[in-house]
Amino acid sequence: MNNLFNPEGPVIQFITKITYSAYLNILWFICCIPIFTAGASTTALFYVTLKMVKNEEGNITRAFFHSFKENFKQGTKIWLILLAVGIVLGVDGYALYHLRFTNIFWTIITAVFVIAAAAYAIILMYIFPLLSRFQNTTMAMFKNSIMIGMRFLLCTVLMAAVYFFMAVIIIRIFTPAIIFGEGLCALICSYLLSNVLLMCEGKVED
């Protein structure tokens, strides 16, 4: 029983990380309020959660804003590109849904849209964690995100499932769970990504 409540034990460590994820979710949300800062905020979130996986987080607030400041310019540029593409995909999806046809032309266009939307989702899940760990050009970040997402497809599917189930829980089951939201998703995804990024780091060093 004493080991159960040991500050260095797995139970207390788990509770601490969950608490940190809720705090990070609040920081992330506040820094996303101007909208154009969402990219830098998400990068900072993953910067901290990836360190938490290795128990190297240190001062959570300081680490978050260190990454936010360091990656602000590129993170904002990437986010604005993703936001613009997301709006275009949203409009296209809306149009395709309301202009349903049974001919081959509509089927082909819909197939292309689904592929584009899947590629967009993969980039969205990977690009900010990559930005938090690596320095590269914006174009290379986009290219590496889609390549790594396709290479480690199981990790990609699990990450998508994490975000999907969190959305279902918040919308359909327990709305107050929003206090964890993106923070908890980022922490879980960081555990999934840790080995993937270590392999990427090895290739970069080679």
Protein backbone atom coordinates (compact mmCIF):
# COMPACT_ATOMS: atom_id res chain seq x y z
CA MET A 1 0.00 0.00 0.00
CA ASN A 2 2.89 2.38 0.77
CA ASN A 3 4.34 1.70 -2.66
CA LEU A 4 0.97 2.59 -4.18
CA PHE A 5 1.22 6.17 -2.89
CA ASN A 6 4.97 6.53 -3.38
CA PRO A 7 5.61 9.86 -5.19
CA GLU A 8 8.01 7.99 -7.48
CA GLY A 9 5.60 5.11 -8.02
CA PRO A 10 3.70 4.48 -11.26
CA VAL A 11 0.27 5.40 -9.84
CA ILE A 12 1.30 8.86 -8.61
CA GLN A 13 3.37 9.42 -11.75
CA PHE A 14 0.32 8.56 -13.87
CA ILE A 15 -1.96 10.92 -11.92
CA THR A 16 0.67 13.68 -12.14
CA LYS A 17 0.95 13.35 -15.91
CA ILE A 18 -2.84 13.42 -16.33
CA THR A 19 -2.96 16.57 -14.19
CA TYR A 20 -0.19 18.14 -16.24
CA SER A 21 -2.10 17.30 -19.43
CA ALA A 22 -5.16 19.20 -18.14
CA TYR A 23 -2.97 22.20 -17.30
CA LEU A 24 -1.30 22.03 -20.72
CA ASN A 25 -4.73 21.86 -22.34
CA ILE A 26 -5.62 25.16 -20.67
CA LEU A 27 -2.35 26.77 -21.81
CA TRP A 28 -2.89 25.42 -25.32
CA PHE A 29 -6.46 26.72 -25.49
CA ILE A 30 -5.54 30.20 -24.22
CA CYS A 31 -2.68 30.48 -26.72
CA CYS A 32 -4.99 29.34 -29.54
CA ILE A 33 -7.55 32.09 -28.92
CA PRO A 34 -6.06 34.49 -31.51
CA ILE A 35 -6.53 31.56 -33.98
CA PHE A 36 -3.40 32.36 -36.03
CA THR A 37 -1.27 31.24 -33.06
CA ALA A 38 -2.75 27.72 -33.00
CA GLY A 39 0.23 26.26 -34.84
CA ALA A 40 2.82 27.58 -32.40
CA SER A 41 0.58 26.58 -29.47
CA THR A 42 0.17 23.01 -30.71
CA THR A 43 3.90 22.73 -31.35
CA ALA A 44 4.61 23.90 -27.80
CA LEU A 45 2.08 21.40 -26.44
CA PHE A 46 3.82 18.48 -28.15
CA TYR A 47 7.23 19.82 -27.16
CA VAL A 48 6.24 19.40 -23.52
CA THR A 49 4.29 16.13 -23.82
CA LEU A 50 7.13 14.47 -25.73
CA LYS A 51 9.43 15.47 -22.88
CA MET A 52 6.90 14.15 -20.35
CA VAL A 53 7.07 10.73 -22.00
CA LYS A 54 10.81 10.69 -21.21
CA ASN A 55 10.30 12.29 -17.77
CA GLU A 56 12.30 15.34 -18.88
CA GLU A 57 9.57 18.01 -18.73
CA GLY A 58 11.04 20.16 -15.93
CA ASN A 59 9.07 23.40 -15.53
CA ILE A 60 5.92 22.86 -17.62
CA THR A 61 5.03 26.51 -18.14
CA ARG A 62 8.57 27.59 -18.97
CA ALA A 63 9.05 24.72 -21.43
CA PHE A 64 5.73 25.45 -23.14
CA PHE A 65 6.43 29.12 -23.73
CA HIS A 66 10.06 28.43 -24.69
CA SER A 67 8.84 26.27 -27.58
CA PHE A 68 5.98 28.67 -28.36
CA LYS A 69 8.44 31.52 -28.84
CA GLU A 70 11.07 29.45 -30.63
CA ASN A 71 8.67 27.94 -33.18
CA PHE A 72 6.24 30.83 -33.47
CA LYS A 73 7.19 31.97 -36.97
CA GLN A 74 7.32 28.59 -38.68
CA GLY A 75 4.45 27.15 -36.64
CA THR A 76 2.23 30.07 -37.64
CA LYS A 77 3.20 29.75 -41.29
CA ILE A 78 2.41 26.03 -41.30
CA TRP A 79 -0.88 26.55 -39.47
CA LEU A 80 -2.09 29.25 -41.86
CA ILE A 81 -1.37 26.95 -44.81
CA LEU A 82 -3.24 24.10 -43.11
CA LEU A 83 -6.12 26.40 -42.19
CA ALA A 84 -6.50 27.58 -45.78
CA VAL A 85 -6.36 24.03 -47.14
CA GLY A 86 -8.80 22.88 -44.45
CA ILE A 87 -11.31 25.56 -45.45
CA VAL A 88 -11.05 24.53 -49.11
CA LEU A 89 -11.53 20.86 -48.21
CA GLY A 90 -14.47 21.74 -45.99
CA VAL A 91 -16.19 23.69 -48.76
CA ASP A 92 -15.49 20.92 -51.27
CA GLY A 93 -16.80 18.27 -48.90
CA TYR A 94 -19.97 20.26 -48.28
CA ALA A 95 -20.52 20.70 -52.01
CA LEU A 96 -19.91 17.03 -52.78
CA TYR A 97 -22.31 15.96 -50.04
CA HIS A 98 -25.13 18.18 -51.27
CA LEU A 99 -24.51 17.55 -54.96
CA ARG A 100 -24.67 13.79 -54.81
CA PHE A 101 -24.83 12.10 -58.19
CA THR A 102 -24.69 8.48 -59.25
CA ASN A 103 -22.50 8.97 -62.31
CA ILE A 104 -18.83 7.98 -62.57
CA PHE A 105 -17.60 11.58 -62.59
CA TRP A 106 -18.98 12.29 -59.09
CA THR A 107 -17.54 8.99 -57.84
CA ILE A 108 -14.04 9.85 -59.12
CA ILE A 109 -14.14 13.36 -57.65
CA THR A 110 -15.31 11.97 -54.30
CA ALA A 111 -12.50 9.39 -54.29
CA VAL A 112 -9.93 12.11 -54.94
CA PHE A 113 -11.46 14.20 -52.16
CA VAL A 114 -11.29 11.30 -49.66
CA ILE A 115 -7.61 10.71 -50.49
CA ALA A 116 -6.84 14.43 -50.11
CA ALA A 117 -8.72 14.59 -46.80
CA ALA A 118 -6.84 11.54 -45.48
CA ALA A 119 -3.49 13.08 -46.47
CA TYR A 120 -4.52 16.33 -44.79
CA ALA A 121 -5.44 14.51 -41.56
CA ILE A 122 -2.10 12.68 -41.53
CA ILE A 123 -0.16 15.90 -41.97
CA LEU A 124 -2.23 17.61 -39.29
CA MET A 125 -1.41 14.85 -36.77
CA TYR A 126 2.32 14.66 -37.48
CA ILE A 127 3.59 18.05 -38.54
CA PHE A 128 3.50 19.84 -35.18
CA PRO A 129 5.15 17.00 -33.22
CA LEU A 130 7.86 16.95 -35.90
CA LEU A 131 8.27 20.71 -35.70
CA SER A 132 8.68 20.47 -31.93
CA ARG A 133 11.64 18.08 -32.33
CA PHE A 134 13.33 18.90 -35.64
CA GLN A 135 14.54 21.92 -37.56
CA ASN A 136 13.73 21.83 -41.25
CA THR A 137 12.15 23.84 -44.04
CA THR A 138 8.38 24.20 -44.14
CA MET A 139 8.13 22.18 -47.35
CA ALA A 140 10.26 19.41 -45.84
CA MET A 141 8.00 19.36 -42.77
CA PHE A 142 4.95 18.74 -44.95
CA LYS A 143 6.76 16.09 -46.97
CA ASN A 144 8.14 14.28 -43.91
CA SER A 145 4.75 14.35 -42.16
CA ILE A 146 2.97 12.49 -44.95
CA MET A 147 5.87 10.08 -45.48
CA ILE A 148 6.19 9.17 -41.79
CA GLY A 149 2.42 8.95 -41.40
CA MET A 150 2.21 6.46 -44.26
CA ARG A 151 5.31 4.56 -43.14
CA PHE A 152 4.02 4.05 -39.60
CA LEU A 153 0.41 3.43 -40.52
CA LEU A 154 -0.53 1.62 -37.30
CA CYS A 155 0.66 4.59 -35.24
CA THR A 156 -1.32 6.90 -37.52
CA VAL A 157 -4.51 4.87 -37.10
CA LEU A 158 -4.10 4.74 -33.31
CA MET A 159 -3.54 8.50 -33.13
CA ALA A 160 -6.65 9.11 -35.23
CA ALA A 161 -8.58 6.80 -32.89
CA VAL A 162 -7.38 8.78 -29.85
CA TYR A 163 -8.72 12.05 -31.30
CA PHE A 164 -11.94 10.39 -32.47
CA PHE A 165 -12.76 8.82 -29.09
CA MET A 166 -11.92 12.03 -27.24
CA ALA A 167 -14.33 13.91 -29.52
CA VAL A 168 -17.05 11.29 -28.94
CA ILE A 169 -16.56 11.43 -25.16
CA ILE A 170 -16.75 15.24 -25.08
CA ILE A 171 -19.68 15.57 -27.48
CA ARG A 172 -21.79 12.54 -26.60
CA ILE A 173 -20.84 11.20 -23.18
CA PHE A 174 -19.18 13.61 -20.73
CA THR A 175 -18.75 17.21 -21.88
CA PRO A 176 -16.61 18.29 -18.84
CA ALA A 177 -13.90 15.98 -20.21
CA ILE A 178 -13.05 18.93 -22.43
CA ILE A 179 -10.78 20.05 -19.57
CA PHE A 180 -8.38 17.32 -20.76
CA GLY A 181 -9.13 17.62 -24.49
CA GLU A 182 -6.10 18.28 -26.67
CA GLY A 183 -3.70 18.05 -23.74
CA LEU A 184 -4.53 14.41 -22.98
CA CYS A 185 -4.68 13.54 -26.69
CA ALA A 186 -1.22 15.02 -27.19
CA LEU A 187 0.14 13.09 -24.20
CA ILE A 188 -1.24 9.75 -25.43
CA CYS A 189 -0.08 10.44 -28.98
CA SER A 190 3.37 11.36 -27.64
CA TYR A 191 3.66 7.87 -26.16
CA LEU A 192 2.73 6.46 -29.57
CA LEU A 193 5.16 8.78 -31.35
CA SER A 194 8.15 8.45 -29.02
CA ASN A 195 9.73 5.44 -30.73
CA VAL A 196 8.85 6.74 -34.19
CA LEU A 197 10.64 10.02 -33.52
CA LEU A 198 13.62 8.20 -32.01
CA MET A 199 13.98 6.27 -35.27
CA CYS A 200 13.71 9.52 -37.20
CA GLU A 201 16.40 11.07 -35.03
CA GLY A 202 18.64 8.11 -35.77
CA LYS A 203 18.18 8.60 -39.51
CA VAL A 204 18.87 12.33 -39.20
CA GLU A 205 22.12 11.61 -37.34
CA ASP A 206 23.14 9.05 -39.99
